[in-house]
Amino acid sequence: MQALIKRILNKEGHTIIEAIISLIVLLVLASVISLLIPPLQKQPNSTQFEESGLFFSMLGKEVREGIAIEVKNNGLYITQPSGDVLSFTKYHSLIRKQVNGLGHEVWVQNIQEMEIDSLSETSLRVRLRDSKGKEYMRVFRRLN
């Protein structure tokens, strides 16, 4: 038994220098790995893509809730059950919403072109082209 205790007490451990060197090596490896991981991750969609998607979603809600839809001068006019008329028009590089011709609520930014086509009495197509030339399109159908 005494021989075992003597053997354990005489065993050498790590010095503080070895611990510091191990910690430095670990930190260097961790920093190099963190630089390699971002290129492997999927790149997120552009904010313009997300903003256009949100615009189409909100516009779809307005189209479904409206009682009448009219396309004139490349603008979309939706009559609400309350009698208010919502207009969606391009203004400089924005698409804005107005209620009864008043106000200025920006719905999409950085838009080069907006094209609205009435396909039938119950459907319409909206195309957007952003400032980088990327196109977004959605078709809306109303159920009577």
N, C-alpha and C. Protein backbone atom coordinates (compact mmCIF):
# COMPACT_ATOMS: atom_id res chain seq x y z
N MET A 1 0.82 -1.18 0.00
CA MET A 1 0.00 0.00 0.00
C MET A 1 0.87 1.25 0.00
N GLN A 2 1.93 1.22 0.81
CA GLN A 2 2.81 2.38 0.86
C GLN A 2 3.49 2.60 -0.48
N ALA A 3 3.79 1.56 -1.17
CA ALA A 3 4.44 1.67 -2.47
C ALA A 3 3.51 2.36 -3.46
N LEU A 4 2.20 2.07 -3.39
CA LEU A 4 1.23 2.70 -4.30
C LEU A 4 1.09 4.18 -4.00
N ILE A 5 1.02 4.54 -2.72
CA ILE A 5 0.91 5.95 -2.33
C ILE A 5 2.16 6.71 -2.76
N LYS A 6 3.33 6.11 -2.58
CA LYS A 6 4.58 6.75 -2.98
C LYS A 6 4.60 6.97 -4.49
N ARG A 7 4.12 6.00 -5.21
CA ARG A 7 4.11 6.09 -6.67
C ARG A 7 3.19 7.21 -7.14
N ILE A 8 2.00 7.35 -6.50
CA ILE A 8 1.04 8.40 -6.88
C ILE A 8 1.62 9.76 -6.55
N LEU A 9 2.24 9.90 -5.40
CA LEU A 9 2.78 11.20 -4.99
C LEU A 9 3.98 11.62 -5.84
N ASN A 10 4.72 10.69 -6.36
CA ASN A 10 5.89 11.02 -7.18
C ASN A 10 5.54 11.27 -8.64
N LYS A 11 4.31 10.97 -9.04
CA LYS A 11 3.91 11.14 -10.44
C LYS A 11 3.88 12.63 -10.76
N GLU A 12 4.44 12.98 -11.92
CA GLU A 12 4.48 14.39 -12.32
C GLU A 12 3.17 14.78 -12.98
N GLY A 13 2.73 16.01 -12.76
CA GLY A 13 1.52 16.54 -13.38
C GLY A 13 1.89 17.56 -14.44
N HIS A 14 0.88 18.26 -14.96
CA HIS A 14 1.12 19.29 -15.95
C HIS A 14 1.56 20.57 -15.26
N THR A 15 2.44 21.28 -15.94
CA THR A 15 2.85 22.57 -15.39
C THR A 15 1.90 23.63 -15.89
N ILE A 16 1.94 24.79 -15.29
CA ILE A 16 1.06 25.89 -15.70
C ILE A 16 1.42 26.37 -17.11
N ILE A 17 2.67 26.27 -17.49
CA ILE A 17 3.11 26.66 -18.83
C ILE A 17 2.45 25.74 -19.87
N GLU A 18 2.45 24.45 -19.60
CA GLU A 18 1.80 23.51 -20.53
C GLU A 18 0.30 23.79 -20.65
N ALA A 19 -0.34 24.15 -19.55
CA ALA A 19 -1.77 24.48 -19.59
C ALA A 19 -2.03 25.73 -20.42
N ILE A 20 -1.19 26.73 -20.28
CA ILE A 20 -1.34 27.98 -21.04
C ILE A 20 -1.13 27.72 -22.53
N ILE A 21 -0.11 26.94 -22.87
CA ILE A 21 0.15 26.62 -24.28
C ILE A 21 -1.02 25.84 -24.87
N SER A 22 -1.58 24.89 -24.12
CA SER A 22 -2.74 24.14 -24.60
C SER A 22 -3.94 25.05 -24.82
N LEU A 23 -4.15 26.00 -23.93
CA LEU A 23 -5.25 26.94 -24.06
C LEU A 23 -5.07 27.84 -25.29
N ILE A 24 -3.85 28.28 -25.54
CA ILE A 24 -3.56 29.12 -26.72
C ILE A 24 -3.83 28.33 -28.00
N VAL A 25 -3.37 27.09 -28.05
CA VAL A 25 -3.61 26.26 -29.24
C VAL A 25 -5.11 26.06 -29.46
N LEU A 26 -5.84 25.82 -28.39
CA LEU A 26 -7.29 25.65 -28.48
C LEU A 26 -7.97 26.91 -29.00
N LEU A 27 -7.57 28.07 -28.52
CA LEU A 27 -8.16 29.34 -28.97
C LEU A 27 -7.84 29.62 -30.44
N VAL A 28 -6.64 29.32 -30.87
CA VAL A 28 -6.27 29.53 -32.28
C VAL A 28 -7.10 28.61 -33.18
N LEU A 29 -7.24 27.36 -32.79
CA LEU A 29 -8.06 26.42 -33.58
C LEU A 29 -9.52 26.86 -33.62
N ALA A 30 -10.06 27.34 -32.51
CA ALA A 30 -11.45 27.79 -32.47
C ALA A 30 -11.66 29.00 -33.38
N SER A 31 -10.69 29.91 -33.41
CA SER A 31 -10.85 31.10 -34.27
C SER A 31 -10.74 30.72 -35.75
N VAL A 32 -9.90 29.78 -36.09
CA VAL A 32 -9.76 29.35 -37.49
C VAL A 32 -11.03 28.61 -37.94
N ILE A 33 -11.59 27.78 -37.10
CA ILE A 33 -12.80 27.04 -37.45
C ILE A 33 -13.97 28.00 -37.66
N SER A 34 -14.07 29.04 -36.83
CA SER A 34 -15.18 29.99 -36.98
C SER A 34 -15.07 30.76 -38.29
N LEU A 35 -13.87 30.92 -38.84
CA LEU A 35 -13.72 31.58 -40.13
C LEU A 35 -14.12 30.67 -41.29
N LEU A 36 -14.01 29.37 -41.10
CA LEU A 36 -14.34 28.42 -42.16
C LEU A 36 -15.83 28.09 -42.23
N ILE A 37 -16.57 28.25 -41.15
CA ILE A 37 -17.97 27.85 -41.09
C ILE A 37 -18.90 28.77 -41.89
N PRO A 38 -18.81 30.11 -41.84
CA PRO A 38 -19.77 30.94 -42.58
C PRO A 38 -19.89 30.64 -44.07
N PRO A 39 -18.81 30.36 -44.80
CA PRO A 39 -19.01 30.02 -46.21
C PRO A 39 -19.81 28.73 -46.41
N LEU A 40 -19.82 27.85 -45.43
CA LEU A 40 -20.56 26.60 -45.54
C LEU A 40 -22.05 26.78 -45.28
N GLN A 41 -22.43 27.86 -44.56
CA GLN A 41 -23.82 28.08 -44.24
C GLN A 41 -24.55 28.62 -45.46
N LYS A 42 -25.86 28.34 -45.54
CA LYS A 42 -26.69 28.82 -46.63
C LYS A 42 -26.84 30.34 -46.50
N GLN A 43 -26.62 31.03 -47.60
CA GLN A 43 -26.75 32.47 -47.59
C GLN A 43 -28.22 32.85 -47.50
N PRO A 44 -28.56 33.82 -46.64
CA PRO A 44 -29.97 34.21 -46.52
C PRO A 44 -30.44 34.97 -47.76
N ASN A 45 -31.75 34.94 -47.99
CA ASN A 45 -32.32 35.69 -49.09
C ASN A 45 -32.09 37.18 -48.87
N SER A 46 -32.09 37.91 -49.95
CA SER A 46 -31.89 39.34 -49.83
C SER A 46 -33.08 39.98 -49.13
N THR A 47 -32.84 41.14 -48.56
CA THR A 47 -33.93 41.85 -47.90
C THR A 47 -34.98 42.28 -48.91
N GLN A 48 -34.55 42.54 -50.15
CA GLN A 48 -35.51 42.92 -51.19
C GLN A 48 -36.46 41.78 -51.48
N PHE A 49 -35.96 40.57 -51.50
CA PHE A 49 -36.81 39.39 -51.71
C PHE A 49 -37.84 39.26 -50.59
N GLU A 50 -37.39 39.43 -49.36
CA GLU A 50 -38.28 39.33 -48.21
C GLU A 50 -39.31 40.46 -48.21
N GLU A 51 -38.87 41.66 -48.54
CA GLU A 51 -39.77 42.81 -48.56
C GLU A 51 -40.82 42.65 -49.66
N SER A 52 -40.41 42.15 -50.82
CA SER A 52 -41.36 41.93 -51.91
C SER A 52 -42.35 40.83 -51.55
N GLY A 53 -41.89 39.77 -50.91
CA GLY A 53 -42.78 38.71 -50.47
C GLY A 53 -43.81 39.21 -49.47
N LEU A 54 -43.38 40.05 -48.55
CA LEU A 54 -44.30 40.64 -47.57
C LEU A 54 -45.30 41.55 -48.27
N PHE A 55 -44.84 42.32 -49.25
CA PHE A 55 -45.73 43.19 -50.03
C PHE A 55 -46.81 42.36 -50.71
N PHE A 56 -46.42 41.28 -51.39
CA PHE A 56 -47.39 40.45 -52.08
C PHE A 56 -48.39 39.82 -51.10
N SER A 57 -47.92 39.41 -49.95
CA SER A 57 -48.79 38.81 -48.95
C SER A 57 -49.82 39.82 -48.45
N MET A 58 -49.37 41.02 -48.12
CA MET A 58 -50.29 42.05 -47.62
C MET A 58 -51.23 42.53 -48.72
N LEU A 59 -50.72 42.63 -49.95
CA LEU A 59 -51.57 43.03 -51.07
C LEU A 59 -52.65 41.98 -51.32
N GLY A 60 -52.31 40.72 -51.21
CA GLY A 60 -53.28 39.64 -51.37
C GLY A 60 -54.42 39.77 -50.37
N LYS A 61 -54.09 40.12 -49.14
CA LYS A 61 -55.12 40.33 -48.11
C LYS A 61 -56.05 41.46 -48.52
N GLU A 62 -55.49 42.56 -49.00
CA GLU A 62 -56.32 43.71 -49.42
C GLU A 62 -57.19 43.34 -50.62
N VAL A 63 -56.66 42.58 -51.55
CA VAL A 63 -57.42 42.16 -52.74
C VAL A 63 -58.59 41.27 -52.32
N ARG A 64 -58.34 40.32 -51.41
CA ARG A 64 -59.41 39.42 -50.95
C ARG A 64 -60.51 40.16 -50.20
N GLU A 65 -60.12 41.17 -49.42
CA GLU A 65 -61.10 41.90 -48.62
C GLU A 65 -61.85 42.96 -49.43
N GLY A 66 -61.32 43.37 -50.57
CA GLY A 66 -61.96 44.42 -51.36
C GLY A 66 -63.22 43.94 -52.05
N ILE A 67 -64.12 44.91 -52.34
CA ILE A 67 -65.35 44.55 -53.05
C ILE A 67 -65.24 44.89 -54.53
N ALA A 68 -64.31 45.77 -54.90
CA ALA A 68 -64.09 46.10 -56.31
C ALA A 68 -62.62 46.41 -56.51
N ILE A 69 -62.11 45.99 -57.68
CA ILE A 69 -60.71 46.23 -58.03
C ILE A 69 -60.66 46.87 -59.40
N GLU A 70 -59.82 47.90 -59.51
CA GLU A 70 -59.68 48.59 -60.79
C GLU A 70 -58.19 48.85 -61.03
N VAL A 71 -57.77 48.62 -62.27
CA VAL A 71 -56.40 48.91 -62.67
C VAL A 71 -56.45 50.04 -63.67
N LYS A 72 -55.80 51.17 -63.34
CA LYS A 72 -55.73 52.28 -64.29
C LYS A 72 -54.42 53.03 -64.07
N ASN A 73 -53.84 53.48 -65.18
CA ASN A 73 -52.56 54.20 -65.16
C ASN A 73 -51.49 53.44 -64.37
N ASN A 74 -51.47 52.14 -64.54
CA ASN A 74 -50.52 51.26 -63.86
C ASN A 74 -50.58 51.40 -62.34
N GLY A 75 -51.75 51.67 -61.84
CA GLY A 75 -52.00 51.72 -60.40
C GLY A 75 -53.13 50.77 -60.07
N LEU A 76 -53.17 50.30 -58.85
CA LEU A 76 -54.20 49.38 -58.41
C LEU A 76 -55.08 50.10 -57.41
N TYR A 77 -56.40 50.08 -57.66
CA TYR A 77 -57.37 50.76 -56.81
C TYR A 77 -58.35 49.72 -56.29
N ILE A 78 -58.43 49.59 -54.97
CA ILE A 78 -59.28 48.59 -54.34
C ILE A 78 -60.31 49.31 -53.48
N THR A 79 -61.58 49.06 -53.75
CA THR A 79 -62.65 49.64 -52.94
C THR A 79 -62.96 48.68 -51.80
N GLN A 80 -62.88 49.19 -50.60
CA GLN A 80 -63.13 48.41 -49.40
C GLN A 80 -64.63 48.41 -49.07
N PRO A 81 -65.09 47.46 -48.27
CA PRO A 81 -66.51 47.44 -47.86
C PRO A 81 -66.93 48.73 -47.15
N SER A 82 -66.00 49.42 -46.51
CA SER A 82 -66.31 50.67 -45.82
C SER A 82 -66.51 51.83 -46.80
N GLY A 83 -66.16 51.63 -48.07
CA GLY A 83 -66.27 52.69 -49.06
C GLY A 83 -64.94 53.38 -49.34
N ASP A 84 -63.95 53.13 -48.51
CA ASP A 84 -62.61 53.70 -48.74
C ASP A 84 -61.99 53.08 -49.98
N VAL A 85 -61.22 53.88 -50.70
CA VAL A 85 -60.51 53.38 -51.88
C VAL A 85 -59.02 53.38 -51.57
N LEU A 86 -58.44 52.19 -51.62
CA LEU A 86 -56.99 52.04 -51.41
C LEU A 86 -56.31 52.10 -52.76
N SER A 87 -55.25 52.87 -52.86
CA SER A 87 -54.50 52.92 -54.12
C SER A 87 -53.07 52.48 -53.86
N PHE A 88 -52.56 51.68 -54.79
CA PHE A 88 -51.17 51.22 -54.74
C PHE A 88 -50.52 51.70 -56.03
N THR A 89 -49.58 52.63 -55.90
CA THR A 89 -48.93 53.22 -57.07
C THR A 89 -47.43 53.30 -56.84
N LYS A 90 -46.70 53.39 -57.93
CA LYS A 90 -45.26 53.59 -57.85
C LYS A 90 -45.00 55.08 -57.71
N TYR A 91 -44.16 55.43 -56.77
CA TYR A 91 -43.81 56.82 -56.50
C TYR A 91 -42.30 56.88 -56.33
N HIS A 92 -41.62 57.43 -57.31
CA HIS A 92 -40.16 57.41 -57.38
C HIS A 92 -39.69 55.95 -57.36
N SER A 93 -38.92 55.54 -56.35
CA SER A 93 -38.46 54.15 -56.29
C SER A 93 -39.23 53.35 -55.25
N LEU A 94 -40.43 53.83 -54.90
CA LEU A 94 -41.24 53.20 -53.87
C LEU A 94 -42.56 52.73 -54.45
N ILE A 95 -43.20 51.82 -53.74
CA ILE A 95 -44.61 51.53 -53.98
C ILE A 95 -45.31 51.98 -52.71
N ARG A 96 -46.28 52.86 -52.91
CA ARG A 96 -46.96 53.41 -51.75
C ARG A 96 -48.44 53.08 -51.77
N LYS A 97 -49.00 53.09 -50.58
CA LYS A 97 -50.43 52.88 -50.40
C LYS A 97 -51.02 54.19 -49.92
N GLN A 98 -52.15 54.56 -50.51
CA GLN A 98 -52.89 55.73 -50.07
C GLN A 98 -54.34 55.31 -49.84
N VAL A 99 -55.00 55.98 -48.91
CA VAL A 99 -56.41 55.74 -48.64
C VAL A 99 -57.16 56.99 -49.07
N ASN A 100 -58.07 56.83 -50.02
CA ASN A 100 -58.85 57.94 -50.58
C ASN A 100 -57.95 59.06 -51.09
N GLY A 101 -56.80 58.69 -51.65
CA GLY A 101 -55.86 59.68 -52.21
C GLY A 101 -55.06 60.42 -51.17
N LEU A 102 -55.16 60.06 -49.92
CA LEU A 102 -54.45 60.75 -48.85
C LEU A 102 -53.43 59.82 -48.21
N GLY A 103 -52.42 60.39 -47.62
CA GLY A 103 -51.40 59.62 -46.91
C GLY A 103 -50.30 59.14 -47.85
N HIS A 104 -49.33 58.51 -47.24
CA HIS A 104 -48.18 58.01 -48.00
C HIS A 104 -47.55 56.90 -47.17
N GLU A 105 -48.04 55.69 -47.34
CA GLU A 105 -47.51 54.55 -46.60
C GLU A 105 -46.65 53.72 -47.54
N VAL A 106 -45.36 53.65 -47.26
CA VAL A 106 -44.42 52.93 -48.11
C VAL A 106 -44.57 51.43 -47.86
N TRP A 107 -44.78 50.68 -48.94
CA TRP A 107 -44.92 49.23 -48.82
C TRP A 107 -43.71 48.50 -49.36
N VAL A 108 -43.03 49.04 -50.38
CA VAL A 108 -41.82 48.41 -50.92
C VAL A 108 -40.88 49.53 -51.34
N GLN A 109 -39.59 49.31 -51.14
CA GLN A 109 -38.57 50.28 -51.54
C GLN A 109 -37.70 49.70 -52.65
N ASN A 110 -36.91 50.56 -53.27
CA ASN A 110 -35.93 50.18 -54.30
C ASN A 110 -36.57 49.46 -55.48
N ILE A 111 -37.68 49.97 -55.95
CA ILE A 111 -38.39 49.39 -57.09
C ILE A 111 -38.16 50.25 -58.32
N GLN A 112 -37.71 49.63 -59.37
CA GLN A 112 -37.45 50.32 -60.63
C GLN A 112 -38.73 50.38 -61.47
N GLU A 113 -39.51 49.29 -61.43
CA GLU A 113 -40.70 49.23 -62.27
C GLU A 113 -41.78 48.39 -61.59
N MET A 114 -43.04 48.83 -61.74
CA MET A 114 -44.19 48.07 -61.28
C MET A 114 -45.16 47.97 -62.45
N GLU A 115 -45.62 46.76 -62.73
CA GLU A 115 -46.56 46.54 -63.82
C GLU A 115 -47.74 45.74 -63.28
N ILE A 116 -48.95 46.28 -63.49
CA ILE A 116 -50.16 45.61 -63.02
C ILE A 116 -51.04 45.35 -64.23
N ASP A 117 -51.42 44.08 -64.41
CA ASP A 117 -52.28 43.69 -65.52
C ASP A 117 -53.54 43.05 -64.98
N SER A 118 -54.69 43.49 -65.48
CA SER A 118 -55.95 42.85 -65.13
C SER A 118 -56.15 41.69 -66.09
N LEU A 119 -56.11 40.47 -65.58
CA LEU A 119 -56.24 39.28 -66.42
C LEU A 119 -57.71 38.95 -66.69
N SER A 120 -58.56 39.23 -65.71
CA SER A 120 -60.00 39.02 -65.86
C SER A 120 -60.67 39.87 -64.79
N GLU A 121 -61.98 39.69 -64.65
CA GLU A 121 -62.69 40.45 -63.63
C GLU A 121 -62.28 40.03 -62.22
N THR A 122 -61.79 38.83 -62.09
CA THR A 122 -61.46 38.30 -60.76
C THR A 122 -59.97 38.05 -60.54
N SER A 123 -59.13 38.34 -61.52
CA SER A 123 -57.70 38.07 -61.32
C SER A 123 -56.84 39.19 -61.89
N LEU A 124 -55.70 39.35 -61.29
CA LEU A 124 -54.74 40.34 -61.77
C LEU A 124 -53.33 39.85 -61.51
N ARG A 125 -52.38 40.40 -62.28
CA ARG A 125 -50.97 40.01 -62.16
C ARG A 125 -50.18 41.26 -61.80
N VAL A 126 -49.33 41.14 -60.81
CA VAL A 126 -48.47 42.25 -60.37
C VAL A 126 -47.03 41.81 -60.56
N ARG A 127 -46.27 42.63 -61.29
CA ARG A 127 -44.84 42.38 -61.50
C ARG A 127 -44.05 43.55 -60.93
N LEU A 128 -42.97 43.21 -60.24
CA LEU A 128 -42.05 44.22 -59.72
C LEU A 128 -40.66 43.94 -60.26
N ARG A 129 -39.92 44.99 -60.55
CA ARG A 129 -38.50 44.85 -60.90
C ARG A 129 -37.75 45.77 -59.96
N ASP A 130 -36.81 45.19 -59.21
CA ASP A 130 -36.08 46.01 -58.24
C ASP A 130 -34.94 46.76 -58.92
N SER A 131 -34.22 47.55 -58.15
CA SER A 131 -33.16 48.39 -58.71
C SER A 131 -31.99 47.58 -59.24
N LYS A 132 -31.90 46.30 -58.88
CA LYS A 132 -30.84 45.43 -59.39
C LYS A 132 -31.30 44.62 -60.60
N GLY A 133 -32.55 44.82 -61.03
CA GLY A 133 -33.06 44.14 -62.20
C GLY A 133 -33.75 42.81 -61.92
N LYS A 134 -33.83 42.40 -60.67
CA LYS A 134 -34.49 41.14 -60.33
C LYS A 134 -36.00 41.33 -60.36
N GLU A 135 -36.70 40.36 -60.96
CA GLU A 135 -38.15 40.46 -61.11
C GLU A 135 -38.87 39.57 -60.10
N TYR A 136 -40.00 40.09 -59.63
CA TYR A 136 -40.89 39.36 -58.73
C TYR A 136 -42.29 39.47 -59.32
N MET A 137 -43.04 38.36 -59.33
CA MET A 137 -44.37 38.37 -59.92
C MET A 137 -45.32 37.52 -59.09
N ARG A 138 -46.56 37.98 -59.02
CA ARG A 138 -47.59 37.22 -58.32
C ARG A 138 -48.92 37.44 -59.01
N VAL A 139 -49.73 36.40 -59.08
CA VAL A 139 -51.08 36.48 -59.65
C VAL A 139 -52.06 36.38 -58.49
N PHE A 140 -53.05 37.28 -58.48
CA PHE A 140 -54.07 37.29 -57.42
C PHE A 140 -55.41 36.98 -58.05
N ARG A 141 -56.18 36.13 -57.38
CA ARG A 141 -57.54 35.80 -57.82
C ARG A 141 -58.50 36.08 -56.68
N ARG A 142 -59.58 36.74 -57.00
CA ARG A 142 -60.61 37.02 -56.01
C ARG A 142 -61.70 35.99 -56.14
N LEU A 143 -62.23 35.57 -55.03
CA LEU A 143 -63.38 34.67 -55.03
C LEU A 143 -64.61 35.50 -54.67
N ASN A 144 -65.61 35.46 -55.51
CA ASN A 144 -66.81 36.26 -55.24
C ASN A 144 -67.79 35.50 -54.37
